[in-house]
PDB file of all heavy atoms in Angstrom:
ATOM      1  N   VAL A   1       0.833  -1.205   0.000  1.00  0.00           N
ATOM      2  CA  VAL A   1       0.000   0.000   0.000  1.00  0.00           C
ATOM      3  C   VAL A   1       0.867   1.256   0.000  1.00  0.00           C
ATOM      4  O   VAL A   1       0.516   2.272  -0.597  1.00  0.00           O
ATOM      5  CB  VAL A   1      -0.955  -0.012   1.215  1.00  0.00           C
ATOM      6  CG1 VAL A   1      -1.663   1.316   1.362  1.00  0.00           C
ATOM      7  CG2 VAL A   1      -1.983  -1.131   1.062  1.00  0.00           C
ATOM      8  N   ALA A   2       2.040   1.164   0.657  1.00  0.00           N
ATOM      9  CA  ALA A   2       2.969   2.299   0.697  1.00  0.00           C
ATOM     10  C   ALA A   2       3.785   2.430  -0.583  1.00  0.00           C
ATOM     11  O   ALA A   2       4.526   3.394  -0.756  1.00  0.00           O
ATOM     12  CB  ALA A   2       3.899   2.165   1.897  1.00  0.00           C
ATOM     13  N   GLY A   3       3.675   1.434  -1.480  1.00  0.00           N
ATOM     14  CA  GLY A   3       4.388   1.506  -2.757  1.00  0.00           C
ATOM     15  C   GLY A   3       5.725   0.807  -2.789  1.00  0.00           C
ATOM     16  O   GLY A   3       6.440   0.884  -3.782  1.00  0.00           O
ATOM     17  N   GLY A   4       6.079   0.109  -1.702  1.00  0.00           N
ATOM     18  CA  GLY A   4       7.381  -0.562  -1.658  1.00  0.00           C
ATOM     19  C   GLY A   4       7.442  -1.809  -2.520  1.00  0.00           C
ATOM     20  O   GLY A   4       8.487  -2.141  -3.079  1.00  0.00           O
ATOM     21  N   VAL A   5       6.320  -2.528  -2.618  1.00  0.00           N
ATOM     22  CA  VAL A   5       6.208  -3.700  -3.487  1.00  0.00           C
ATOM     23  C   VAL A   5       4.905  -3.578  -4.267  1.00  0.00           C
ATOM     24  O   VAL A   5       4.064  -2.720  -3.963  1.00  0.00           O
ATOM     25  CB  VAL A   5       6.235  -5.029  -2.695  1.00  0.00           C
ATOM     26  CG1 VAL A   5       7.560  -5.191  -1.956  1.00  0.00           C
ATOM     27  CG2 VAL A   5       5.062  -5.114  -1.722  1.00  0.00           C
ATOM     28  N   GLN A   6       4.735  -4.423  -5.273  1.00  0.00           N
ATOM     29  CA  GLN A   6       3.549  -4.310  -6.130  1.00  0.00           C
ATOM     30  C   GLN A   6       2.583  -5.500  -6.023  1.00  0.00           C
ATOM     31  O   GLN A   6       1.441  -5.392  -6.445  1.00  0.00           O
ATOM     32  CB  GLN A   6       3.983  -4.163  -7.598  1.00  0.00           C
ATOM     33  CG  GLN A   6       4.643  -2.836  -7.927  1.00  0.00           C
ATOM     34  CD  GLN A   6       6.024  -2.685  -7.295  1.00  0.00           C
ATOM     35  OE1 GLN A   6       6.852  -3.602  -7.385  1.00  0.00           O
ATOM     36  NE2 GLN A   6       6.259  -1.551  -6.651  1.00  0.00           N
ATOM     37  N   VAL A   7       3.050  -6.603  -5.452  1.00  0.00           N
ATOM     38  CA  VAL A   7       2.217  -7.804  -5.378  1.00  0.00           C
ATOM     39  C   VAL A   7       2.394  -8.479  -4.017  1.00  0.00           C
ATOM     40  O   VAL A   7       3.514  -8.569  -3.515  1.00  0.00           O
ATOM     41  CB  VAL A   7       2.601  -8.831  -6.475  1.00  0.00           C
ATOM     42  CG1 VAL A   7       1.584  -9.968  -6.513  1.00  0.00           C
ATOM     43  CG2 VAL A   7       2.742  -8.169  -7.834  1.00  0.00           C
ATOM     44  N   VAL A   8       1.279  -8.943  -3.442  1.00  0.00           N
ATOM     45  CA  VAL A   8       1.357  -9.745  -2.223  1.00  0.00           C
ATOM     46  C   VAL A   8       0.515 -11.006  -2.425  1.00  0.00           C
ATOM     47  O   VAL A   8      -0.714 -10.949  -2.423  1.00  0.00           O
ATOM     48  CB  VAL A   8       0.867  -8.984  -0.982  1.00  0.00           C
ATOM     49  CG1 VAL A   8       0.804  -9.928   0.231  1.00  0.00           C
ATOM     50  CG2 VAL A   8       1.788  -7.818  -0.671  1.00  0.00           C
ATOM     51  N   PRO A   9       1.165 -12.148  -2.642  1.00  0.00           N
ATOM     52  CA  PRO A   9       0.441 -13.414  -2.706  1.00  0.00           C
ATOM     53  C   PRO A   9       0.270 -13.964  -1.293  1.00  0.00           C
ATOM     54  O   PRO A   9       1.197 -14.505  -0.702  1.00  0.00           O
ATOM     55  CB  PRO A   9       1.378 -14.298  -3.544  1.00  0.00           C
ATOM     56  CG  PRO A   9       2.741 -13.751  -3.256  1.00  0.00           C
ATOM     57  CD  PRO A   9       2.591 -12.302  -2.912  1.00  0.00           C
ATOM     58  N   CYS A  10      -0.907 -13.789  -0.731  1.00  0.00           N
ATOM     59  CA  CYS A  10      -1.191 -14.316   0.603  1.00  0.00           C
ATOM     60  C   CYS A  10      -2.633 -14.789   0.606  1.00  0.00           C
ATOM     61  O   CYS A  10      -3.357 -14.603  -0.375  1.00  0.00           O
ATOM     62  CB  CYS A  10      -0.965 -13.247   1.683  1.00  0.00           C
ATOM     63  SG  CYS A  10      -2.147 -11.878   1.642  1.00  0.00           S
ATOM     64  N   SER A  11      -3.058 -15.393   1.685  1.00  0.00           N
ATOM     65  CA  SER A  11      -4.449 -15.842   1.746  1.00  0.00           C
ATOM     66  C   SER A  11      -5.384 -14.633   1.764  1.00  0.00           C
ATOM     67  O   SER A  11      -5.033 -13.567   2.283  1.00  0.00           O
ATOM     68  CB  SER A  11      -4.678 -16.705   2.990  1.00  0.00           C
ATOM     69  OG  SER A  11      -4.591 -15.922   4.168  1.00  0.00           O
ATOM     70  N   ILE A  12      -6.563 -14.810   1.223  1.00  0.00           N
ATOM     71  CA  ILE A  12      -7.547 -13.727   1.209  1.00  0.00           C
ATOM     72  C   ILE A  12      -7.920 -13.294   2.634  1.00  0.00           C
ATOM     73  O   ILE A  12      -8.048 -12.094   2.890  1.00  0.00           O
ATOM     74  CB  ILE A  12      -8.778 -14.125   0.384  1.00  0.00           C
ATOM     75  CG1 ILE A  12      -8.405 -14.185  -1.108  1.00  0.00           C
ATOM     76  CG2 ILE A  12      -9.937 -13.144   0.595  1.00  0.00           C
ATOM     77  CD1 ILE A  12      -9.532 -14.539  -2.041  1.00  0.00           C
ATOM     78  N   PRO A  13      -8.080 -14.223   3.596  1.00  0.00           N
ATOM     79  CA  PRO A  13      -8.377 -13.780   4.958  1.00  0.00           C
ATOM     80  C   PRO A  13      -7.331 -12.833   5.535  1.00  0.00           C
ATOM     81  O   PRO A  13      -7.664 -11.899   6.253  1.00  0.00           O
ATOM     82  CB  PRO A  13      -8.433 -15.096   5.747  1.00  0.00           C
ATOM     83  CG  PRO A  13      -8.846 -16.102   4.739  1.00  0.00           C
ATOM     84  CD  PRO A  13      -8.175 -15.691   3.469  1.00  0.00           C
ATOM     85  N   GLU A  14      -6.058 -13.063   5.223  1.00  0.00           N
ATOM     86  CA  GLU A  14      -5.009 -12.183   5.741  1.00  0.00           C
ATOM     87  C   GLU A  14      -5.113 -10.780   5.146  1.00  0.00           C
ATOM     88  O   GLU A  14      -4.689  -9.809   5.758  1.00  0.00           O
ATOM     89  CB  GLU A  14      -3.637 -12.786   5.440  1.00  0.00           C
ATOM     90  CG  GLU A  14      -3.317 -14.008   6.275  1.00  0.00           C
ATOM     91  CD  GLU A  14      -1.971 -14.607   5.945  1.00  0.00           C
ATOM     92  OE1 GLU A  14      -1.742 -14.959   4.776  1.00  0.00           O
ATOM     93  OE2 GLU A  14      -1.136 -14.736   6.866  1.00  0.00           O
ATOM     94  N   ALA A  15      -5.675 -10.701   3.945  1.00  0.00           N
ATOM     95  CA  ALA A  15      -5.813  -9.405   3.278  1.00  0.00           C
ATOM     96  C   ALA A  15      -7.166  -8.763   3.537  1.00  0.00           C
ATOM     97  O   ALA A  15      -7.438  -7.660   3.049  1.00  0.00           O
ATOM     98  CB  ALA A  15      -5.603  -9.573   1.773  1.00  0.00           C
ATOM     99  N   ARG A  16      -8.012  -9.441   4.307  1.00  0.00           N
ATOM    100  CA  ARG A  16      -9.405  -9.006   4.409  1.00  0.00           C
ATOM    101  C   ARG A  16      -9.582  -7.575   4.880  1.00  0.00           C
ATOM    102  O   ARG A  16     -10.398  -6.826   4.327  1.00  0.00           O
ATOM    103  CB  ARG A  16     -10.181  -9.940   5.330  1.00  0.00           C
ATOM    104  CG  ARG A  16     -11.633  -9.528   5.444  1.00  0.00           C
ATOM    105  CD  ARG A  16     -12.534 -10.638   5.875  1.00  0.00           C
ATOM    106  NE  ARG A  16     -13.926 -10.240   5.712  1.00  0.00           N
ATOM    107  CZ  ARG A  16     -14.945 -11.049   5.937  1.00  0.00           C
ATOM    108  NH1 ARG A  16     -14.729 -12.294   6.299  1.00  0.00           N
ATOM    109  NH2 ARG A  16     -16.187 -10.632   5.782  1.00  0.00           N
ATOM    110  N   ALA A  17      -8.854  -7.179   5.927  1.00  0.00           N
ATOM    111  CA  ALA A  17      -9.026  -5.822   6.457  1.00  0.00           C
ATOM    112  C   ALA A  17      -8.758  -4.773   5.378  1.00  0.00           C
ATOM    113  O   ALA A  17      -9.514  -3.801   5.241  1.00  0.00           O
ATOM    114  CB  ALA A  17      -8.109  -5.599   7.655  1.00  0.00           C
ATOM    115  N   MET A  18      -7.705  -4.975   4.611  1.00  0.00           N
ATOM    116  CA  MET A  18      -7.375  -4.010   3.566  1.00  0.00           C
ATOM    117  C   MET A  18      -8.282  -4.148   2.354  1.00  0.00           C
ATOM    118  O   MET A  18      -8.537  -3.173   1.647  1.00  0.00           O
ATOM    119  CB  MET A  18      -5.907  -4.146   3.171  1.00  0.00           C
ATOM    120  CG  MET A  18      -4.950  -3.647   4.233  1.00  0.00           C
ATOM    121  SD  MET A  18      -3.281  -3.367   3.603  1.00  0.00           S
ATOM    122  CE  MET A  18      -2.498  -2.700   5.074  1.00  0.00           C
ATOM    123  N   LEU A  19      -8.775  -5.366   2.110  1.00  0.00           N
ATOM    124  CA  LEU A  19      -9.754  -5.549   1.040  1.00  0.00           C
ATOM    125  C   LEU A  19     -11.031  -4.792   1.371  1.00  0.00           C
ATOM    126  O   LEU A  19     -11.578  -4.051   0.537  1.00  0.00           O
ATOM    127  CB  LEU A  19     -10.064  -7.040   0.854  1.00  0.00           C
ATOM    128  CG  LEU A  19      -9.021  -7.890   0.125  1.00  0.00           C
ATOM    129  CD1 LEU A  19      -9.337  -9.368   0.300  1.00  0.00           C
ATOM    130  CD2 LEU A  19      -8.977  -7.534  -1.361  1.00  0.00           C
ATOM    131  N   ASP A  20     -11.506  -4.962   2.598  1.00  0.00           N
ATOM    132  CA  ASP A  20     -12.743  -4.309   3.017  1.00  0.00           C
ATOM    133  C   ASP A  20     -12.584  -2.795   3.115  1.00  0.00           C
ATOM    134  O   ASP A  20     -13.552  -2.052   2.936  1.00  0.00           O
ATOM    135  CB  ASP A  20     -13.213  -4.869   4.361  1.00  0.00           C
ATOM    136  CG  ASP A  20     -13.686  -6.321   4.240  1.00  0.00           C
ATOM    137  OD1 ASP A  20     -13.851  -6.793   3.093  1.00  0.00           O
ATOM    138  OD2 ASP A  20     -13.885  -6.969   5.290  1.00  0.00           O
ATOM    139  N   ALA A  21     -11.354  -2.354   3.384  1.00  0.00           N
ATOM    140  CA  ALA A  21     -11.088  -0.908   3.463  1.00  0.00           C
ATOM    141  C   ALA A  21     -10.885  -0.299   2.080  1.00  0.00           C
ATOM    142  O   ALA A  21     -10.733   0.921   1.954  1.00  0.00           O
ATOM    143  CB  ALA A  21      -9.860  -0.648   4.333  1.00  0.00           C
ATOM    144  N   GLY A  22     -10.863  -1.144   1.056  1.00  0.00           N
ATOM    145  CA  GLY A  22     -10.694  -0.643  -0.308  1.00  0.00           C
ATOM    146  C   GLY A  22      -9.271  -0.270  -0.663  1.00  0.00           C
ATOM    147  O   GLY A  22      -9.029   0.420  -1.656  1.00  0.00           O
ATOM    148  N   LYS A  23      -8.300  -0.772   0.125  1.00  0.00           N
ATOM    149  CA  LYS A  23      -6.905  -0.421  -0.138  1.00  0.00           C
ATOM    150  C   LYS A  23      -6.210  -1.412  -1.072  1.00  0.00           C
ATOM    151  O   LYS A  23      -5.224  -1.063  -1.719  1.00  0.00           O
ATOM    152  CB  LYS A  23      -6.134  -0.335   1.187  1.00  0.00           C
ATOM    153  CG  LYS A  23      -6.592   0.815   2.079  1.00  0.00           C
ATOM    154  CD  LYS A  23      -5.757   0.885   3.348  1.00  0.00           C
ATOM    155  CE  LYS A  23      -6.195   2.060   4.217  1.00  0.00           C
ATOM    156  NZ  LYS A  23      -5.384   2.151   5.468  1.00  0.00           N
ATOM    157  N   VAL A  24      -6.702  -2.642  -1.096  1.00  0.00           N
ATOM    158  CA  VAL A  24      -6.109  -3.645  -1.983  1.00  0.00           C
ATOM    159  C   VAL A  24      -7.218  -4.380  -2.745  1.00  0.00           C
ATOM    160  O   VAL A  24      -8.391  -4.352  -2.350  1.00  0.00           O
ATOM    161  CB  VAL A  24      -5.226  -4.665  -1.221  1.00  0.00           C
ATOM    162  CG1 VAL A  24      -4.166  -3.973  -0.396  1.00  0.00           C
ATOM    163  CG2 VAL A  24      -6.074  -5.563  -0.352  1.00  0.00           C
ATOM    164  N   ARG A  25      -6.822  -5.042  -3.817  1.00  0.00           N
ATOM    165  CA  ARG A  25      -7.752  -5.803  -4.647  1.00  0.00           C
ATOM    166  C   ARG A  25      -7.191  -7.201  -4.846  1.00  0.00           C
ATOM    167  O   ARG A  25      -5.993  -7.369  -5.096  1.00  0.00           O
ATOM    168  CB  ARG A  25      -7.929  -5.093  -5.993  1.00  0.00           C
ATOM    169  CG  ARG A  25      -8.855  -5.797  -6.967  1.00  0.00           C
ATOM    170  CD  ARG A  25      -9.194  -4.950  -8.185  1.00  0.00           C
ATOM    171  NE  ARG A  25      -8.030  -4.578  -8.967  1.00  0.00           N
ATOM    172  CZ  ARG A  25      -7.535  -3.359  -9.050  1.00  0.00           C
ATOM    173  NH1 ARG A  25      -8.104  -2.368  -8.385  1.00  0.00           N
ATOM    174  NH2 ARG A  25      -6.466  -3.099  -9.789  1.00  0.00           N
ATOM    175  N   SER A  26      -8.044  -8.196  -4.719  1.00  0.00           N
ATOM    176  CA  SER A  26      -7.619  -9.577  -4.939  1.00  0.00           C
ATOM    177  C   SER A  26      -7.955  -9.975  -6.371  1.00  0.00           C
ATOM    178  O   SER A  26      -9.101  -9.826  -6.809  1.00  0.00           O
ATOM    179  CB  SER A  26      -8.319 -10.514  -3.951  1.00  0.00           C
ATOM    180  OG  SER A  26      -7.789 -11.813  -4.038  1.00  0.00           O
ATOM    181  N   LEU A  27      -6.967 -10.479  -7.094  1.00  0.00           N
ATOM    182  CA  LEU A  27      -7.148 -10.812  -8.502  1.00  0.00           C
ATOM    183  C   LEU A  27      -7.558 -12.258  -8.730  1.00  0.00           C
ATOM    184  O   LEU A  27      -8.266 -12.564  -9.698  1.00  0.00           O
ATOM    185  CB  LEU A  27      -5.846 -10.544  -9.273  1.00  0.00           C
ATOM    186  CG  LEU A  27      -5.305  -9.111  -9.251  1.00  0.00           C
ATOM    187  CD1 LEU A  27      -4.024  -9.030 -10.076  1.00  0.00           C
ATOM    188  CD2 LEU A  27      -6.342  -8.130  -9.772  1.00  0.00           C
ATOM    189  N   VAL A  28      -7.106 -13.154  -7.849  1.00  0.00           N
ATOM    190  CA  VAL A  28      -7.331 -14.572  -8.096  1.00  0.00           C
ATOM    191  C   VAL A  28      -7.071 -15.358  -6.820  1.00  0.00           C
ATOM    192  O   VAL A  28      -6.400 -14.874  -5.900  1.00  0.00           O
ATOM    193  CB  VAL A  28      -6.399 -15.055  -9.239  1.00  0.00           C
ATOM    194  CG1 VAL A  28      -4.971 -15.236  -8.731  1.00  0.00           C
ATOM    195  CG2 VAL A  28      -6.905 -16.320  -9.900  1.00  0.00           C
ATOM    196  N   ILE A  29      -7.614 -16.582  -6.739  1.00  0.00           N
ATOM    197  CA  ILE A  29      -7.340 -17.471  -5.626  1.00  0.00           C
ATOM    198  C   ILE A  29      -6.796 -18.784  -6.183  1.00  0.00           C
ATOM    199  O   ILE A  29      -7.301 -19.293  -7.186  1.00  0.00           O
ATOM    200  CB  ILE A  29      -8.601 -17.709  -4.769  1.00  0.00           C
ATOM    201  CG1 ILE A  29      -8.266 -18.554  -3.528  1.00  0.00           C
ATOM    202  CG2 ILE A  29      -9.712 -18.362  -5.580  1.00  0.00           C
ATOM    203  CD1 ILE A  29      -9.405 -18.609  -2.524  1.00  0.00           C
ATOM    204  N   MET A  30      -5.735 -19.295  -5.577  1.00  0.00           N
ATOM    205  CA  MET A  30      -5.079 -20.511  -6.066  1.00  0.00           C
ATOM    206  C   MET A  30      -5.711 -21.746  -5.431  1.00  0.00           C
ATOM    207  O   MET A  30      -5.113 -22.441  -4.611  1.00  0.00           O
ATOM    208  CB  MET A  30      -3.580 -20.462  -5.755  1.00  0.00           C
ATOM    209  CG  MET A  30      -2.854 -19.307  -6.398  1.00  0.00           C
ATOM    210  SD  MET A  30      -1.082 -19.350  -6.012  1.00  0.00           S
ATOM    211  CE  MET A  30      -0.595 -17.684  -6.463  1.00  0.00           C
ATOM    212  N   ASP A  31      -6.958 -22.012  -5.808  1.00  0.00           N
ATOM    213  CA  ASP A  31      -7.694 -23.121  -5.230  1.00  0.00           C
ATOM    214  C   ASP A  31      -8.679 -23.647  -6.270  1.00  0.00           C
ATOM    215  O   ASP A  31      -8.921 -23.002  -7.295  1.00  0.00           O
ATOM    216  CB  ASP A  31      -8.440 -22.646  -3.980  1.00  0.00           C
ATOM    217  CG  ASP A  31      -8.970 -23.785  -3.129  1.00  0.00           C
ATOM    218  OD1 ASP A  31      -8.373 -24.879  -3.157  1.00  0.00           O
ATOM    219  OD2 ASP A  31      -9.980 -23.590  -2.439  1.00  0.00           O
ATOM    220  N   GLY A  32      -9.256 -24.805  -5.981  1.00  0.00           N
ATOM    221  CA  GLY A  32     -10.212 -25.381  -6.913  1.00  0.00           C
ATOM    222  C   GLY A  32     -11.587 -24.756  -6.851  1.00  0.00           C
ATOM    223  O   GLY A  32     -12.426 -24.980  -7.716  1.00  0.00           O
ATOM    224  N   LYS A  33     -11.831 -23.960  -5.788  1.00  0.00           N
ATOM    225  CA  LYS A  33     -13.135 -23.305  -5.656  1.00  0.00           C
ATOM    226  C   LYS A  33     -12.943 -21.891  -5.121  1.00  0.00           C
ATOM    227  O   LYS A  33     -11.942 -21.568  -4.493  1.00  0.00           O
ATOM    228  CB  LYS A  33     -14.039 -24.101  -4.730  1.00  0.00           C
ATOM    229  CG  LYS A  33     -13.494 -24.288  -3.317  1.00  0.00           C
ATOM    230  CD  LYS A  33     -14.404 -25.169  -2.491  1.00  0.00           C
ATOM    231  CE  LYS A  33     -13.919 -25.325  -1.050  1.00  0.00           C
ATOM    232  NZ  LYS A  33     -12.611 -25.964  -0.958  1.00  0.00           N
ATOM    233  N   ARG A  34     -13.942 -21.054  -5.371  1.00  0.00           N
ATOM    234  CA  ARG A  34     -13.883 -19.666  -4.926  1.00  0.00           C
ATOM    235  C   ARG A  34     -14.110 -19.559  -3.418  1.00  0.00           C
ATOM    236  O   ARG A  34     -14.736 -20.430  -2.810  1.00  0.00           O
ATOM    237  CB  ARG A  34     -14.942 -18.825  -5.663  1.00  0.00           C
ATOM    238  CG  ARG A  34     -14.731 -18.762  -7.172  1.00  0.00           C
ATOM    239  CD  ARG A  34     -15.633 -17.725  -7.808  1.00  0.00           C
ATOM    240  NE  ARG A  34     -15.443 -17.672  -9.262  1.00  0.00           N
ATOM    241  CZ  ARG A  34     -15.824 -16.648 -10.018  1.00  0.00           C
ATOM    242  NH1 ARG A  34     -16.421 -15.594  -9.473  1.00  0.00           N
ATOM    243  NH2 ARG A  34     -15.616 -16.672 -11.322  1.00  0.00           N
ATOM    244  N   ASN A  35     -13.591 -18.479  -2.831  1.00  0.00           N
ATOM    245  CA  ASN A  35     -13.815 -18.211  -1.414  1.00  0.00           C
ATOM    246  C   ASN A  35     -15.239 -17.676  -1.243  1.00  0.00           C
ATOM    247  O   ASN A  35     -15.610 -16.701  -1.886  1.00  0.00           O
ATOM    248  CB  ASN A  35     -12.798 -17.169  -0.922  1.00  0.00           C
ATOM    249  CG  ASN A  35     -12.870 -16.954   0.582  1.00  0.00           C
ATOM    250  OD1 ASN A  35     -13.922 -16.672   1.129  1.00  0.00           O
ATOM    251  ND2 ASN A  35     -11.731 -17.065   1.247  1.00  0.00           N
ATOM    252  N   PRO A  36     -16.068 -18.323  -0.403  1.00  0.00           N
ATOM    253  CA  PRO A  36     -17.467 -17.896  -0.270  1.00  0.00           C
ATOM    254  C   PRO A  36     -17.637 -16.466   0.236  1.00  0.00           C
ATOM    255  O   PRO A  36     -18.669 -15.845  -0.015  1.00  0.00           O
ATOM    256  CB  PRO A  36     -18.051 -18.913   0.713  1.00  0.00           C
ATOM    257  CG  PRO A  36     -16.885 -19.489   1.438  1.00  0.00           C
ATOM    258  CD  PRO A  36     -15.760 -19.483   0.455  1.00  0.00           C
ATOM    259  N   VAL A  37     -16.635 -15.941   0.952  1.00  0.00           N
ATOM    260  CA  VAL A  37     -16.734 -14.565   1.439  1.00  0.00           C
ATOM    261  C   VAL A  37     -16.486 -13.569   0.307  1.00  0.00           C
ATOM    262  O   VAL A  37     -17.019 -12.457   0.309  1.00  0.00           O
ATOM    263  CB  VAL A  37     -15.739 -14.331   2.594  1.00  0.00           C
ATOM    264  CG1 VAL A  37     -15.817 -12.894   3.109  1.00  0.00           C
ATOM    265  CG2 VAL A  37     -16.027 -15.307   3.740  1.00  0.00           C
ATOM    266  N   TYR A  38     -15.678 -13.978  -0.689  1.00  0.00           N
ATOM    267  CA  TYR A  38     -15.378 -13.123  -1.840  1.00  0.00           C
ATOM    268  C   TYR A  38     -15.659 -13.913  -3.125  1.00  0.00           C
ATOM    269  O   TYR A  38     -14.742 -14.268  -3.864  1.00  0.00           O
ATOM    270  CB  TYR A  38     -13.918 -12.653  -1.800  1.00  0.00           C
ATOM    271  CG  TYR A  38     -13.618 -11.760  -0.627  1.00  0.00           C
ATOM    272  CD1 TYR A  38     -13.113 -12.280   0.566  1.00  0.00           C
ATOM    273  CD2 TYR A  38     -13.872 -10.389  -0.692  1.00  0.00           C
ATOM    274  CE1 TYR A  38     -12.866 -11.460   1.651  1.00  0.00           C
ATOM    275  CE2 TYR A  38     -13.625  -9.565   0.393  1.00  0.00           C
ATOM    276  CZ  TYR A  38     -13.129 -10.101   1.556  1.00  0.00           C
ATOM    277  OH  TYR A  38     -12.883  -9.299   2.642  1.00  0.00           O
ATOM    278  N   PRO A  39     -16.924 -14.181  -3.383  1.00  0.00           N
ATOM    279  CA  PRO A  39     -17.286 -15.034  -4.527  1.00  0.00           C
ATOM    280  C   PRO A  39     -16.948 -14.441  -5.890  1.00  0.00           C
ATOM    281  O   PRO A  39     -16.948 -15.171  -6.885  1.00  0.00           O
ATOM    282  CB  PRO A  39     -18.800 -15.202  -4.361  1.00  0.00           C
ATOM    283  CG  PRO A  39     -19.240 -13.995  -3.598  1.00  0.00           C
ATOM    284  CD  PRO A  39     -18.109 -13.707  -2.653  1.00  0.00           C
ATOM    285  N   ASN A  40     -16.654 -13.148  -5.946  1.00  0.00           N
ATOM    286  CA  ASN A  40     -16.327 -12.518  -7.231  1.00  0.00           C
ATOM    287  C   ASN A  40     -14.858 -12.687  -7.615  1.00  0.00           C
ATOM    288  O   ASN A  40     -14.460 -12.324  -8.730  1.00  0.00           O
ATOM    289  CB  ASN A  40     -16.683 -11.029  -7.210  1.00  0.00           C
ATOM    290  CG  ASN A  40     -18.182 -10.789  -7.111  1.00  0.00           C
ATOM    291  OD1 ASN A  40     -18.966 -11.586  -7.630  1.00  0.00           O
ATOM    292  ND2 ASN A  40     -18.572  -9.733  -6.423  1.00  0.00           N
ATOM    293  N   VAL A  41     -14.050 -13.210  -6.693  1.00  0.00           N
ATOM    294  CA  VAL A  41     -12.634 -13.444  -6.997  1.00  0.00           C
ATOM    295  C   VAL A  41     -12.517 -14.804  -7.684  1.00  0.00           C
ATOM    296  O   VAL A  41     -12.834 -15.829  -7.080  1.00  0.00           O
ATOM    297  CB  VAL A  41     -11.768 -13.425  -5.725  1.00  0.00           C
ATOM    298  CG1 VAL A  41     -10.306 -13.713  -6.065  1.00  0.00           C
ATOM    299  CG2 VAL A  41     -11.887 -12.074  -5.023  1.00  0.00           C
ATOM    300  N   PRO A  42     -12.067 -14.845  -8.940  1.00  0.00           N
ATOM    301  CA  PRO A  42     -12.007 -16.117  -9.672  1.00  0.00           C
ATOM    302  C   PRO A  42     -10.882 -17.020  -9.190  1.00  0.00           C
ATOM    303  O   PRO A  42      -9.928 -16.566  -8.555  1.00  0.00           O
ATOM    304  CB  PRO A  42     -11.770 -15.677 -11.116  1.00  0.00           C
ATOM    305  CG  PRO A  42     -11.018 -14.391 -10.979  1.00  0.00           C
ATOM    306  CD  PRO A  42     -11.596 -13.716  -9.758  1.00  0.00           C
ATOM    307  N   THR A  43     -10.999 -18.288  -9.493  1.00  0.00           N
ATOM    308  CA  THR A  43      -9.898 -19.211  -9.229  1.00  0.00           C
ATOM    309  C   THR A  43      -8.852 -19.036 -10.337  1.00  0.00           C
ATOM    310  O   THR A  43      -9.158 -18.515 -11.417  1.00  0.00           O
ATOM    311  CB  THR A  43     -10.374 -20.669  -9.219  1.00  0.00           C
ATOM    312  OG1 THR A  43     -10.792 -21.037 -10.546  1.00  0.00           O
ATOM    313  CG2 THR A  43     -11.533 -20.863  -8.250  1.00  0.00           C
TER     314      THR A  43
END
């Protein structure tokens, strides 16, 4: 968020606070099914 790096591959739950605050965007999930809390994030 401060601009030091451009990508953070981590679990969606770990990013949730910043996702909900509108500071970060999740592009994809590395799983066979979508996360039910964020169903718009594709696998």
